[in-house]
Amino acid sequence: METSQHWYRLHWVKPPWGDYGDILLSGMTTRRPRTREGLLRLERTGPFVPPITLAGFGDLLVTDALRVASEESSMDGLAFRAVEKTRIVRLSWERWDWTADRPQEYPAGGEPEAYILERPHDRELALQIGPLWEVLLPSLGEATEADLVRDPVHSRHIYASERARDWLEQHAGDWLSFAELSEV
């Protein structure tokens, strides 16, 4: 790795309402194993899907629009794999008051996952959302040409080059912030 390269750790905008907001914003990818083809199985709410989310234990997911835009950018080393939308449920929680101390509605039983698990899969909604993609990230040090990398020890830590940071701020800045690393 070039010593002149600046790296920035991605931080996710904290959703309102703690674990309730987290599950509504990101969904779940770790409840079911990957498909035989290696695809993540996503369970989440819709129709609202942010352009970029961190689900499960470090699964970086993007919408099709963000994937297409990133492929047209000058960023290097990006690879994507389709996500299987196993359970997409209708819940327009994004219309709730995000400044409130509590969500407008609690899920049955009180567990955050119940927002998703207690509702039926909506095939039409899954189609409406369009394709979602897992960003395949090399570990830092494996691919010095990549503009997005994962920490080899802490898989939820994702680092962006200066070029990737600038691009992400422009295309998904409402959902991310960045902290420059003095040493990686």
C-alpha atoms as a PDB file:
ATOM      1  CA  MET A   1       0.000   0.000   0.000  1.00  0.00           C
ATOM      2  CA  GLU A   2       1.251   3.452  -0.829  1.00  0.00           C
ATOM      3  CA  THR A   3       1.995   5.443   2.307  1.00  0.00           C
ATOM      4  CA  SER A   4       0.551   8.590   0.711  1.00  0.00           C
ATOM      5  CA  GLN A   5      -2.906   6.955   0.454  1.00  0.00           C
ATOM      6  CA  HIS A   6      -5.446   8.416   2.865  1.00  0.00           C
ATOM      7  CA  TRP A   7      -8.094   6.032   4.167  1.00  0.00           C
ATOM      8  CA  TYR A   8     -11.410   6.953   5.735  1.00  0.00           C
ATOM      9  CA  ARG A   9     -13.531   4.687   7.877  1.00  0.00           C
ATOM     10  CA  LEU A  10     -17.196   4.621   6.891  1.00  0.00           C
ATOM     11  CA  HIS A  11     -19.632   5.362   9.693  1.00  0.00           C
ATOM     12  CA  TRP A  12     -23.337   4.756   9.238  1.00  0.00           C
ATOM     13  CA  VAL A  13     -25.907   7.353  10.106  1.00  0.00           C
ATOM     14  CA  LYS A  14     -27.520   6.187  13.312  1.00  0.00           C
ATOM     15  CA  PRO A  15     -31.158   5.427  12.662  1.00  0.00           C
ATOM     16  CA  PRO A  16     -33.719   6.588  15.206  1.00  0.00           C
ATOM     17  CA  TRP A  17     -35.105   4.264  17.877  1.00  0.00           C
ATOM     18  CA  GLY A  18     -32.054   2.078  18.541  1.00  0.00           C
ATOM     19  CA  ASP A  19     -32.357  -1.559  17.452  1.00  0.00           C
ATOM     20  CA  TYR A  20     -35.852  -0.900  16.074  1.00  0.00           C
ATOM     21  CA  GLY A  21     -34.544   1.726  13.677  1.00  0.00           C
ATOM     22  CA  ASP A  22     -31.521  -0.387  12.801  1.00  0.00           C
ATOM     23  CA  ILE A  23     -33.624  -3.343  11.660  1.00  0.00           C
ATOM     24  CA  LEU A  24     -35.988  -1.052   9.744  1.00  0.00           C
ATOM     25  CA  LEU A  25     -33.130   0.702   7.970  1.00  0.00           C
ATOM     26  CA  SER A  26     -30.860  -2.257   7.186  1.00  0.00           C
ATOM     27  CA  GLY A  27     -32.879  -5.449   7.423  1.00  0.00           C
ATOM     28  CA  MET A  28     -31.293  -8.826   8.151  1.00  0.00           C
ATOM     29  CA  THR A  29     -28.838 -10.994   6.237  1.00  0.00           C
ATOM     30  CA  THR A  30     -27.593 -13.386   8.897  1.00  0.00           C
ATOM     31  CA  ARG A  31     -30.757 -15.239   9.889  1.00  0.00           C
ATOM     32  CA  ARG A  32     -30.534 -17.630   6.936  1.00  0.00           C
ATOM     33  CA  PRO A  33     -27.432 -19.133   5.291  1.00  0.00           C
ATOM     34  CA  ARG A  34     -26.357 -18.010   1.855  1.00  0.00           C
ATOM     35  CA  THR A  35     -27.846 -19.783  -1.140  1.00  0.00           C
ATOM     36  CA  ARG A  36     -25.916 -22.597  -2.852  1.00  0.00           C
ATOM     37  CA  GLU A  37     -24.700 -19.966  -5.312  1.00  0.00           C
ATOM     38  CA  GLY A  38     -23.314 -17.880  -2.430  1.00  0.00           C
ATOM     39  CA  LEU A  39     -25.980 -15.175  -2.520  1.00  0.00           C
ATOM     40  CA  LEU A  40     -26.935 -13.322   0.644  1.00  0.00           C
ATOM     41  CA  ARG A  41     -30.545 -13.779   1.694  1.00  0.00           C
ATOM     42  CA  LEU A  42     -32.031 -10.444   2.648  1.00  0.00           C
ATOM     43  CA  GLU A  43     -35.101  -9.897   4.790  1.00  0.00           C
ATOM     44  CA  ARG A  44     -36.207  -6.269   5.079  1.00  0.00           C
ATOM     45  CA  THR A  45     -38.968  -3.696   4.903  1.00  0.00           C
ATOM     46  CA  GLY A  46     -39.959  -1.722   1.835  1.00  0.00           C
ATOM     47  CA  PRO A  47     -40.714   0.126  -0.299  1.00  0.00           C
ATOM     48  CA  PHE A  48     -38.082   2.495   1.114  1.00  0.00           C
ATOM     49  CA  VAL A  49     -34.510   1.230   0.757  1.00  0.00           C
ATOM     50  CA  PRO A  50     -31.564   3.580   1.358  1.00  0.00           C
ATOM     51  CA  PRO A  51     -28.968   3.596  -1.433  1.00  0.00           C
ATOM     52  CA  ILE A  52     -26.387   1.985   0.865  1.00  0.00           C
ATOM     53  CA  THR A  53     -26.711  -0.034   4.076  1.00  0.00           C
ATOM     54  CA  LEU A  54     -24.657  -2.254   6.329  1.00  0.00           C
ATOM     55  CA  ALA A  55     -26.708  -5.317   7.238  1.00  0.00           C
ATOM     56  CA  GLY A  56     -25.898  -8.371   9.316  1.00  0.00           C
ATOM     57  CA  PHE A  57     -22.298  -8.594  10.446  1.00  0.00           C
ATOM     58  CA  GLY A  58     -20.757  -6.320   7.859  1.00  0.00           C
ATOM     59  CA  ASP A  59     -22.673  -7.011   4.651  1.00  0.00           C
ATOM     60  CA  LEU A  60     -22.420  -3.876   2.524  1.00  0.00           C
ATOM     61  CA  LEU A  61     -25.531  -3.603   0.343  1.00  0.00           C
ATOM     62  CA  VAL A  62     -26.405  -1.097  -2.378  1.00  0.00           C
ATOM     63  CA  THR A  63     -29.386  -0.411  -4.582  1.00  0.00           C
ATOM     64  CA  ASP A  64     -29.174  -1.019  -8.303  1.00  0.00           C
ATOM     65  CA  ALA A  65     -29.057   2.717  -8.988  1.00  0.00           C
ATOM     66  CA  LEU A  66     -26.006   3.172  -6.744  1.00  0.00           C
ATOM     67  CA  ARG A  67     -24.305   0.103  -8.257  1.00  0.00           C
ATOM     68  CA  VAL A  68     -24.796   1.416 -11.799  1.00  0.00           C
ATOM     69  CA  ALA A  69     -23.519   4.858 -10.828  1.00  0.00           C
ATOM     70  CA  SER A  70     -20.476   3.378  -9.075  1.00  0.00           C
ATOM     71  CA  GLU A  71     -19.606   1.264 -12.117  1.00  0.00           C
ATOM     72  CA  GLU A  72     -19.623   4.459 -14.178  1.00  0.00           C
ATOM     73  CA  SER A  73     -17.322   6.191 -11.672  1.00  0.00           C
ATOM     74  CA  SER A  74     -13.542   6.170 -11.608  1.00  0.00           C
ATOM     75  CA  MET A  75     -13.376   3.971  -8.492  1.00  0.00           C
ATOM     76  CA  ASP A  76     -11.256   0.848  -8.749  1.00  0.00           C
ATOM     77  CA  GLY A  77     -11.701  -2.679  -7.491  1.00  0.00           C
ATOM     78  CA  LEU A  78     -15.479  -2.753  -7.038  1.00  0.00           C
ATOM     79  CA  ALA A  79     -17.282  -6.053  -7.506  1.00  0.00           C
ATOM     80  CA  PHE A  80     -20.923  -6.908  -6.854  1.00  0.00           C
ATOM     81  CA  ARG A  81     -23.049  -9.994  -6.316  1.00  0.00           C
ATOM     82  CA  ALA A  82     -26.846 -10.068  -6.496  1.00  0.00           C
ATOM     83  CA  VAL A  83     -28.790 -10.368  -3.241  1.00  0.00           C
ATOM     84  CA  GLU A  84     -31.718 -12.766  -2.916  1.00  0.00           C
ATOM     85  CA  LYS A  85     -34.686 -10.891  -1.491  1.00  0.00           C
ATOM     86  CA  THR A  86     -36.017 -13.738   0.647  1.00  0.00           C
ATOM     87  CA  ARG A  87     -38.577 -11.720   2.604  1.00  0.00           C
ATOM     88  CA  ILE A  88     -39.559  -8.182   1.693  1.00  0.00           C
ATOM     89  CA  VAL A  89     -42.431  -6.821   3.761  1.00  0.00           C
ATOM     90  CA  ARG A  90     -44.486  -3.677   3.330  1.00  0.00           C
ATOM     91  CA  LEU A  91     -43.986  -1.127   6.079  1.00  0.00           C
ATOM     92  CA  SER A  92     -43.611   2.585   5.293  1.00  0.00           C
ATOM     93  CA  TRP A  93     -41.771   3.400   8.513  1.00  0.00           C
ATOM     94  CA  GLU A  94     -39.738   6.122   6.782  1.00  0.00           C
ATOM     95  CA  ARG A  95     -42.869   8.323   7.071  1.00  0.00           C
ATOM     96  CA  TRP A  96     -42.781   8.140  10.873  1.00  0.00           C
ATOM     97  CA  ASP A  97     -41.404  11.027  12.934  1.00  0.00           C
ATOM     98  CA  TRP A  98     -37.649  10.354  13.042  1.00  0.00           C
ATOM     99  CA  THR A  99     -37.204  12.858  15.859  1.00  0.00           C
ATOM    100  CA  ALA A 100     -39.586  10.995  18.176  1.00  0.00           C
ATOM    101  CA  ASP A 101     -38.183   9.051  21.121  1.00  0.00           C
ATOM    102  CA  ARG A 102     -40.089   5.927  20.064  1.00  0.00           C
ATOM    103  CA  PRO A 103     -41.204   4.394  16.785  1.00  0.00           C
ATOM    104  CA  GLN A 104     -44.790   5.110  15.794  1.00  0.00           C
ATOM    105  CA  GLU A 105     -45.533   1.396  16.012  1.00  0.00           C
ATOM    106  CA  TYR A 106     -43.821  -1.417  17.910  1.00  0.00           C
ATOM    107  CA  PRO A 107     -43.694  -4.887  16.386  1.00  0.00           C
ATOM    108  CA  ALA A 108     -45.760  -7.770  17.730  1.00  0.00           C
ATOM    109  CA  GLY A 109     -43.954  -9.297  20.695  1.00  0.00           C
ATOM    110  CA  GLY A 110     -41.622  -6.338  21.048  1.00  0.00           C
ATOM    111  CA  GLU A 111     -38.579  -7.793  19.238  1.00  0.00           C
ATOM    112  CA  PRO A 112     -37.217  -5.574  16.418  1.00  0.00           C
ATOM    113  CA  GLU A 113     -36.983  -8.534  14.004  1.00  0.00           C
ATOM    114  CA  ALA A 114     -40.757  -8.999  14.296  1.00  0.00           C
ATOM    115  CA  TYR A 115     -41.252  -5.929  12.063  1.00  0.00           C
ATOM    116  CA  ILE A 116     -40.097  -8.270   9.295  1.00  0.00           C
ATOM    117  CA  LEU A 117     -40.787 -11.790  10.538  1.00  0.00           C
ATOM    118  CA  GLU A 118     -44.437 -11.191  11.497  1.00  0.00           C
ATOM    119  CA  ARG A 119     -45.385  -9.832   8.070  1.00  0.00           C
ATOM    120  CA  PRO A 120     -45.835 -11.766   4.817  1.00  0.00           C
ATOM    121  CA  HIS A 121     -43.387 -11.587   1.946  1.00  0.00           C
ATOM    122  CA  ASP A 122     -44.683  -9.217  -0.750  1.00  0.00           C
ATOM    123  CA  ARG A 123     -43.462 -10.408  -4.178  1.00  0.00           C
ATOM    124  CA  GLU A 124     -44.753  -7.317  -5.983  1.00  0.00           C
ATOM    125  CA  LEU A 125     -42.936  -5.070  -3.536  1.00  0.00           C
ATOM    126  CA  ALA A 126     -39.725  -7.067  -3.965  1.00  0.00           C
ATOM    127  CA  LEU A 127     -39.965  -6.493  -7.713  1.00  0.00           C
ATOM    128  CA  GLN A 128     -40.766  -2.805  -7.209  1.00  0.00           C
ATOM    129  CA  ILE A 129     -37.633  -2.329  -5.096  1.00  0.00           C
ATOM    130  CA  GLY A 130     -35.522  -3.706  -7.910  1.00  0.00           C
ATOM    131  CA  PRO A 131     -32.233  -5.553  -7.649  1.00  0.00           C
ATOM    132  CA  LEU A 132     -30.094  -5.140  -4.554  1.00  0.00           C
ATOM    133  CA  TRP A 133     -26.385  -5.922  -4.505  1.00  0.00           C
ATOM    134  CA  GLU A 134     -23.723  -7.050  -2.073  1.00  0.00           C
ATOM    135  CA  VAL A 135     -20.468  -5.150  -2.504  1.00  0.00           C
ATOM    136  CA  LEU A 136     -17.630  -7.688  -2.461  1.00  0.00           C
ATOM    137  CA  LEU A 137     -14.814  -6.089  -0.530  1.00  0.00           C
ATOM    138  CA  PRO A 138     -11.221  -7.277  -0.412  1.00  0.00           C
ATOM    139  CA  SER A 139      -9.422  -7.065   2.911  1.00  0.00           C
ATOM    140  CA  LEU A 140      -7.118  -4.139   3.450  1.00  0.00           C
ATOM    141  CA  GLY A 141      -3.677  -5.177   2.268  1.00  0.00           C
ATOM    142  CA  GLU A 142      -5.003  -7.804  -0.176  1.00  0.00           C
ATOM    143  CA  ALA A 143      -5.855  -5.350  -2.941  1.00  0.00           C
ATOM    144  CA  THR A 144      -4.146  -2.009  -2.680  1.00  0.00           C
ATOM    145  CA  GLU A 145      -5.795  -0.852  -5.912  1.00  0.00           C
ATOM    146  CA  ALA A 146      -9.309  -1.130  -4.472  1.00  0.00           C
ATOM    147  CA  ASP A 147     -11.057   2.044  -3.366  1.00  0.00           C
ATOM    148  CA  LEU A 148     -13.242   0.243  -0.795  1.00  0.00           C
ATOM    149  CA  VAL A 149     -11.750  -2.357   1.536  1.00  0.00           C
ATOM    150  CA  ARG A 150     -12.667  -4.256   4.681  1.00  0.00           C
ATOM    151  CA  ASP A 151     -10.619  -4.388   7.863  1.00  0.00           C
ATOM    152  CA  PRO A 152      -9.142  -7.915   8.001  1.00  0.00           C
ATOM    153  CA  VAL A 153      -9.818  -8.187  11.754  1.00  0.00           C
ATOM    154  CA  HIS A 154     -13.029  -6.203  12.266  1.00  0.00           C
ATOM    155  CA  SER A 155     -15.238  -7.137   9.307  1.00  0.00           C
ATOM    156  CA  ARG A 156     -17.780  -4.387  10.047  1.00  0.00           C
ATOM    157  CA  HIS A 157     -15.074  -1.749   9.549  1.00  0.00           C
ATOM    158  CA  ILE A 158     -15.000  -0.578   5.959  1.00  0.00           C
ATOM    159  CA  TYR A 159     -12.465   1.892   4.613  1.00  0.00           C
ATOM    160  CA  ALA A 160     -12.706   4.189   1.622  1.00  0.00           C
ATOM    161  CA  SER A 161      -9.939   5.838  -0.352  1.00  0.00           C
ATOM    162  CA  GLU A 162     -10.157   9.600  -0.762  1.00  0.00           C
ATOM    163  CA  ARG A 163     -11.657   9.080  -4.219  1.00  0.00           C
ATOM    164  CA  ALA A 164     -14.322   6.685  -2.851  1.00  0.00           C
ATOM    165  CA  ARG A 165     -15.081   8.996   0.070  1.00  0.00           C
ATOM    166  CA  ASP A 166     -15.670  11.937  -2.264  1.00  0.00           C
ATOM    167  CA  TRP A 167     -17.868   9.842  -4.553  1.00  0.00           C
ATOM    168  CA  LEU A 168     -19.895   8.326  -1.691  1.00  0.00           C
ATOM    169  CA  GLU A 169     -20.421  11.733  -0.086  1.00  0.00           C
ATOM    170  CA  GLN A 170     -21.900  12.931  -3.365  1.00  0.00           C
ATOM    171  CA  HIS A 171     -24.117   9.869  -4.008  1.00  0.00           C
ATOM    172  CA  ALA A 172     -25.005   8.553  -0.528  1.00  0.00           C
ATOM    173  CA  GLY A 173     -23.871  11.285   1.847  1.00  0.00           C
ATOM    174  CA  ASP A 174     -27.128  11.305   3.814  1.00  0.00           C
ATOM    175  CA  TRP A 175     -26.406   7.764   5.019  1.00  0.00           C
ATOM    176  CA  LEU A 176     -22.654   7.903   5.737  1.00  0.00           C
ATOM    177  CA  SER A 177     -19.987   9.919   7.439  1.00  0.00           C
ATOM    178  CA  PHE A 178     -16.237   9.415   7.334  1.00  0.00           C
ATOM    179  CA  ALA A 179     -13.348   9.584   9.767  1.00  0.00           C
ATOM    180  CA  GLU A 180      -9.805   9.884   8.442  1.00  0.00           C
ATOM    181  CA  LEU A 181      -7.468   7.243   9.725  1.00  0.00           C
ATOM    182  CA  SER A 182      -4.097   8.372  10.872  1.00  0.00           C
ATOM    183  CA  GLU A 183      -2.758   4.864  10.528  1.00  0.00           C
ATOM    184  CA  VAL A 184      -4.198   1.721   8.994  1.00  0.00           C
END
